[in-house]
């Protein structure tokens, strides 16, 4: 248990863990203008297997879609209109909860 009066431990050193909704919102924010898998992975601070799992789920529920990008026809992920609605609602909920 952390003591409130402890001078060693400050609240700024601890970050609240993100839940799945927060991670999905981060992915959608970064994918608004289009982003590759690696860029999303680094921006959201996820491992390769984690980003694969999230992208698979988000593609399935149509919050993002894929487009070929660059000379190598790599996939670029872009937030759909449904994903933008999700982000709007997410932002409103964050405001209400703070």
N, C-alpha and C. Protein backbone atom coordinates (compact mmCIF):
# COMPACT_ATOMS: atom_id res chain seq x y z
N UNK A 1 0.84 -1.18 0.00
CA UNK A 1 0.00 0.00 0.00
C UNK A 1 0.89 1.24 0.00
N UNK A 2 0.56 2.21 -0.80
CA UNK A 2 1.33 3.44 -0.92
C UNK A 2 0.82 4.46 0.07
N UNK A 3 1.74 5.03 0.82
CA UNK A 3 1.36 6.07 1.78
C UNK A 3 1.24 7.40 1.06
N UNK A 4 0.25 8.17 1.41
CA UNK A 4 0.03 9.47 0.77
C UNK A 4 1.13 10.48 1.13
N UNK A 5 1.71 10.36 2.28
CA UNK A 5 2.71 11.32 2.75
C UNK A 5 4.12 10.97 2.30
N UNK A 6 4.29 9.91 1.60
CA UNK A 6 5.63 9.49 1.20
C UNK A 6 6.27 10.51 0.27
N UNK A 7 7.49 10.93 0.62
CA UNK A 7 8.19 11.91 -0.22
C UNK A 7 8.87 11.24 -1.39
N UNK A 8 9.16 9.96 -1.28
CA UNK A 8 9.80 9.23 -2.38
C UNK A 8 8.87 9.00 -3.55
N UNK A 9 7.63 8.74 -3.26
CA UNK A 9 6.67 8.41 -4.30
C UNK A 9 5.75 9.59 -4.55
N UNK A 10 5.74 10.04 -5.76
CA UNK A 10 4.86 11.14 -6.13
C UNK A 10 3.84 10.64 -7.14
N UNK A 11 2.68 11.24 -7.16
CA UNK A 11 1.63 10.79 -8.07
C UNK A 11 2.03 10.95 -9.53
N UNK A 12 2.92 11.90 -9.83
CA UNK A 12 3.32 12.12 -11.22
C UNK A 12 4.19 10.98 -11.75
N UNK A 13 4.77 10.16 -10.87
CA UNK A 13 5.60 9.05 -11.33
C UNK A 13 4.77 7.84 -11.70
N UNK A 14 3.52 7.81 -11.30
CA UNK A 14 2.66 6.69 -11.62
C UNK A 14 1.65 7.09 -12.68
N UNK A 15 1.53 6.26 -13.68
CA UNK A 15 0.51 6.50 -14.69
C UNK A 15 -0.56 5.43 -14.58
N UNK A 16 -1.77 5.84 -14.78
CA UNK A 16 -2.87 4.91 -14.75
C UNK A 16 -2.77 4.00 -15.97
N UNK A 17 -3.01 2.73 -15.77
CA UNK A 17 -2.96 1.79 -16.89
C UNK A 17 -4.10 2.08 -17.85
N UNK A 18 -3.81 1.93 -19.14
CA UNK A 18 -4.84 2.15 -20.15
C UNK A 18 -5.70 0.90 -20.29
N UNK A 19 -6.96 1.11 -20.55
CA UNK A 19 -7.82 -0.02 -20.84
C UNK A 19 -7.92 -0.18 -22.36
N UNK A 20 -8.64 -1.18 -22.81
CA UNK A 20 -8.74 -1.45 -24.25
C UNK A 20 -9.35 -0.27 -25.01
N UNK A 21 -10.32 0.39 -24.42
CA UNK A 21 -10.97 1.52 -25.09
C UNK A 21 -9.97 2.66 -25.31
N UNK A 22 -9.13 2.93 -24.31
CA UNK A 22 -8.11 3.98 -24.45
C UNK A 22 -7.11 3.63 -25.55
N UNK A 23 -6.72 2.38 -25.62
CA UNK A 23 -5.76 1.95 -26.65
C UNK A 23 -6.38 2.05 -28.03
N UNK A 24 -7.62 1.63 -28.16
CA UNK A 24 -8.32 1.74 -29.46
C UNK A 24 -8.42 3.20 -29.87
N UNK A 25 -8.74 4.07 -28.92
CA UNK A 25 -8.83 5.50 -29.23
C UNK A 25 -7.48 6.05 -29.68
N UNK A 26 -6.39 5.62 -29.05
CA UNK A 26 -5.05 6.04 -29.47
C UNK A 26 -4.76 5.61 -30.91
N UNK A 27 -5.11 4.38 -31.23
CA UNK A 27 -4.88 3.87 -32.58
C UNK A 27 -5.69 4.69 -33.59
N UNK A 28 -6.94 4.94 -33.27
CA UNK A 28 -7.80 5.69 -34.19
C UNK A 28 -7.32 7.13 -34.38
N UNK A 29 -6.83 7.74 -33.31
CA UNK A 29 -6.31 9.11 -33.41
C UNK A 29 -5.13 9.17 -34.37
N UNK A 30 -4.23 8.22 -34.23
CA UNK A 30 -3.03 8.22 -35.07
C UNK A 30 -3.37 7.85 -36.51
N UNK A 31 -4.40 7.06 -36.71
CA UNK A 31 -4.76 6.60 -38.05
C UNK A 31 -5.67 7.57 -38.81
N UNK A 32 -5.99 8.71 -38.22
CA UNK A 32 -6.88 9.67 -38.90
C UNK A 32 -6.37 10.05 -40.29
N UNK A 33 -5.07 10.31 -40.41
CA UNK A 33 -4.50 10.71 -41.69
C UNK A 33 -3.83 9.55 -42.40
N UNK A 34 -3.93 8.37 -41.82
CA UNK A 34 -3.30 7.19 -42.38
C UNK A 34 -1.97 6.93 -41.69
N UNK A 35 -1.73 5.69 -41.35
CA UNK A 35 -0.48 5.31 -40.69
C UNK A 35 -0.23 3.83 -40.90
N UNK A 36 1.03 3.48 -40.98
CA UNK A 36 1.42 2.08 -41.10
C UNK A 36 1.39 1.38 -39.75
N UNK A 37 1.53 0.08 -39.81
CA UNK A 37 1.47 -0.73 -38.59
C UNK A 37 2.59 -0.36 -37.61
N UNK A 38 3.80 -0.15 -38.13
CA UNK A 38 4.92 0.17 -37.25
C UNK A 38 4.72 1.51 -36.57
N UNK A 39 4.26 2.49 -37.31
CA UNK A 39 4.01 3.81 -36.72
C UNK A 39 2.96 3.72 -35.62
N UNK A 40 1.90 2.97 -35.87
CA UNK A 40 0.85 2.79 -34.86
C UNK A 40 1.41 2.07 -33.63
N UNK A 41 2.23 1.07 -33.88
CA UNK A 41 2.82 0.29 -32.80
C UNK A 41 3.65 1.17 -31.88
N UNK A 42 4.51 2.01 -32.46
CA UNK A 42 5.35 2.89 -31.65
C UNK A 42 4.54 4.00 -30.98
N UNK A 43 3.61 4.59 -31.70
CA UNK A 43 2.80 5.69 -31.15
C UNK A 43 2.00 5.20 -29.93
N UNK A 44 1.45 4.00 -30.04
CA UNK A 44 0.60 3.47 -28.97
C UNK A 44 1.38 2.66 -27.93
N UNK A 45 2.68 2.52 -28.16
CA UNK A 45 3.55 1.79 -27.24
C UNK A 45 3.05 0.36 -27.03
N UNK A 46 2.84 -0.34 -28.15
CA UNK A 46 2.37 -1.72 -28.12
C UNK A 46 3.39 -2.64 -28.77
N UNK A 47 3.34 -3.91 -28.43
CA UNK A 47 4.19 -4.90 -29.07
C UNK A 47 3.56 -5.28 -30.42
N UNK A 48 4.32 -6.02 -31.22
CA UNK A 48 3.81 -6.43 -32.52
C UNK A 48 2.56 -7.30 -32.37
N UNK A 49 2.59 -8.24 -31.45
CA UNK A 49 1.43 -9.12 -31.28
C UNK A 49 0.21 -8.34 -30.77
N UNK A 50 0.45 -7.36 -29.91
CA UNK A 50 -0.66 -6.55 -29.41
C UNK A 50 -1.29 -5.73 -30.52
N UNK A 51 -0.46 -5.07 -31.34
CA UNK A 51 -1.02 -4.23 -32.41
C UNK A 51 -1.76 -5.10 -33.42
N UNK A 52 -1.23 -6.29 -33.70
CA UNK A 52 -1.92 -7.22 -34.60
C UNK A 52 -3.31 -7.55 -34.08
N UNK A 53 -3.39 -7.82 -32.81
CA UNK A 53 -4.67 -8.18 -32.19
C UNK A 53 -5.65 -7.02 -32.25
N UNK A 54 -5.19 -5.83 -31.86
CA UNK A 54 -6.07 -4.66 -31.88
C UNK A 54 -6.51 -4.31 -33.30
N UNK A 55 -5.57 -4.34 -34.26
CA UNK A 55 -5.93 -4.00 -35.64
C UNK A 55 -6.93 -4.98 -36.22
N UNK A 56 -6.75 -6.24 -35.91
CA UNK A 56 -7.70 -7.26 -36.38
C UNK A 56 -9.11 -6.97 -35.86
N UNK A 57 -9.20 -6.66 -34.57
CA UNK A 57 -10.50 -6.36 -33.96
C UNK A 57 -11.09 -5.07 -34.54
N UNK A 58 -10.28 -4.03 -34.65
CA UNK A 58 -10.78 -2.74 -35.12
C UNK A 58 -11.20 -2.81 -36.59
N UNK A 59 -10.47 -3.60 -37.38
CA UNK A 59 -10.87 -3.80 -38.78
C UNK A 59 -12.20 -4.54 -38.86
N UNK A 60 -12.37 -5.53 -38.01
CA UNK A 60 -13.59 -6.34 -38.00
C UNK A 60 -14.83 -5.51 -37.69
N UNK A 61 -14.69 -4.55 -36.79
CA UNK A 61 -15.86 -3.73 -36.44
C UNK A 61 -15.90 -2.42 -37.24
N UNK A 62 -15.05 -2.34 -38.25
CA UNK A 62 -15.05 -1.26 -39.24
C UNK A 62 -14.80 0.13 -38.67
N UNK A 63 -13.88 0.22 -37.70
CA UNK A 63 -13.48 1.54 -37.21
C UNK A 63 -12.29 2.08 -38.00
N UNK A 64 -11.57 1.18 -38.67
CA UNK A 64 -10.50 1.57 -39.59
C UNK A 64 -10.62 0.73 -40.86
N UNK A 65 -9.96 1.18 -41.91
CA UNK A 65 -9.84 0.36 -43.12
C UNK A 65 -8.40 0.47 -43.63
N UNK A 66 -8.09 -0.35 -44.59
CA UNK A 66 -6.71 -0.37 -45.11
C UNK A 66 -6.67 0.18 -46.53
N UNK A 67 -5.52 0.76 -46.85
CA UNK A 67 -5.25 1.29 -48.19
C UNK A 67 -3.81 0.94 -48.53
N UNK A 68 -3.52 0.67 -49.80
CA UNK A 68 -2.12 0.48 -50.16
C UNK A 68 -1.39 1.82 -50.07
N UNK A 69 -0.14 1.78 -49.59
CA UNK A 69 0.62 3.01 -49.43
C UNK A 69 2.06 2.79 -49.88
N UNK A 70 2.60 3.74 -50.60
CA UNK A 70 3.99 3.69 -51.00
C UNK A 70 4.25 2.75 -52.16
N UNK A 71 5.52 2.65 -52.49
CA UNK A 71 5.94 1.84 -53.63
C UNK A 71 5.82 0.34 -53.37
N UNK A 72 5.95 -0.05 -52.12
CA UNK A 72 5.92 -1.47 -51.77
C UNK A 72 4.51 -2.00 -51.52
N UNK A 73 3.50 -1.18 -51.75
CA UNK A 73 2.10 -1.54 -51.50
C UNK A 73 1.87 -2.03 -50.07
N UNK A 74 2.58 -1.42 -49.14
CA UNK A 74 2.34 -1.73 -47.73
C UNK A 74 0.98 -1.20 -47.33
N UNK A 75 0.41 -1.79 -46.30
CA UNK A 75 -0.90 -1.35 -45.83
C UNK A 75 -0.78 -0.07 -45.02
N UNK A 76 -1.70 0.83 -45.29
CA UNK A 76 -1.86 2.02 -44.47
C UNK A 76 -3.24 1.92 -43.84
N UNK A 77 -3.29 2.18 -42.57
CA UNK A 77 -4.57 2.10 -41.85
C UNK A 77 -5.13 3.51 -41.68
N UNK A 78 -6.42 3.65 -41.97
CA UNK A 78 -7.06 4.96 -41.90
C UNK A 78 -8.39 4.83 -41.14
N UNK A 79 -8.63 5.79 -40.27
CA UNK A 79 -9.86 5.82 -39.49
C UNK A 79 -11.07 6.07 -40.40
N UNK A 80 -12.10 5.28 -40.24
CA UNK A 80 -13.32 5.43 -41.03
C UNK A 80 -14.24 6.47 -40.37
N UNK A 81 -15.34 6.79 -41.04
CA UNK A 81 -16.31 7.72 -40.46
C UNK A 81 -16.90 7.14 -39.17
N UNK A 82 -17.07 5.84 -39.15
CA UNK A 82 -17.55 5.18 -37.93
C UNK A 82 -16.52 5.32 -36.81
N UNK A 83 -15.24 5.21 -37.15
CA UNK A 83 -14.16 5.39 -36.18
C UNK A 83 -14.11 6.81 -35.64
N UNK A 84 -14.38 7.78 -36.53
CA UNK A 84 -14.41 9.19 -36.10
C UNK A 84 -15.56 9.44 -35.13
N UNK A 85 -16.70 8.79 -35.37
CA UNK A 85 -17.83 8.89 -34.44
C UNK A 85 -17.46 8.30 -33.08
N UNK A 86 -16.74 7.17 -33.12
CA UNK A 86 -16.26 6.55 -31.89
C UNK A 86 -15.38 7.52 -31.12
N UNK A 87 -14.44 8.18 -31.81
CA UNK A 87 -13.54 9.13 -31.17
C UNK A 87 -14.30 10.31 -30.57
N UNK A 88 -15.31 10.79 -31.28
CA UNK A 88 -16.15 11.88 -30.77
C UNK A 88 -16.81 11.48 -29.45
N UNK A 89 -17.42 10.31 -29.46
CA UNK A 89 -18.11 9.82 -28.27
C UNK A 89 -17.12 9.58 -27.14
N UNK A 90 -15.97 9.02 -27.48
CA UNK A 90 -14.91 8.77 -26.48
C UNK A 90 -14.49 10.09 -25.83
N UNK A 91 -14.28 11.12 -26.63
CA UNK A 91 -13.87 12.43 -26.09
C UNK A 91 -14.92 13.01 -25.17
N UNK A 92 -16.19 12.89 -25.56
CA UNK A 92 -17.28 13.40 -24.73
C UNK A 92 -17.34 12.66 -23.39
N UNK A 93 -17.14 11.35 -23.43
CA UNK A 93 -17.15 10.57 -22.19
C UNK A 93 -15.98 10.94 -21.29
N UNK A 94 -14.83 11.16 -21.86
CA UNK A 94 -13.66 11.56 -21.06
C UNK A 94 -13.91 12.89 -20.37
N UNK A 95 -14.56 13.82 -21.06
CA UNK A 95 -14.89 15.13 -20.48
C UNK A 95 -15.88 14.96 -19.33
N UNK A 96 -16.90 14.13 -19.54
CA UNK A 96 -17.91 13.92 -18.51
C UNK A 96 -17.32 13.24 -17.27
N UNK A 97 -16.33 12.39 -17.46
CA UNK A 97 -15.77 11.63 -16.35
C UNK A 97 -14.67 12.38 -15.60
N UNK A 98 -14.22 13.51 -16.14
CA UNK A 98 -13.15 14.23 -15.45
C UNK A 98 -13.69 15.33 -14.56
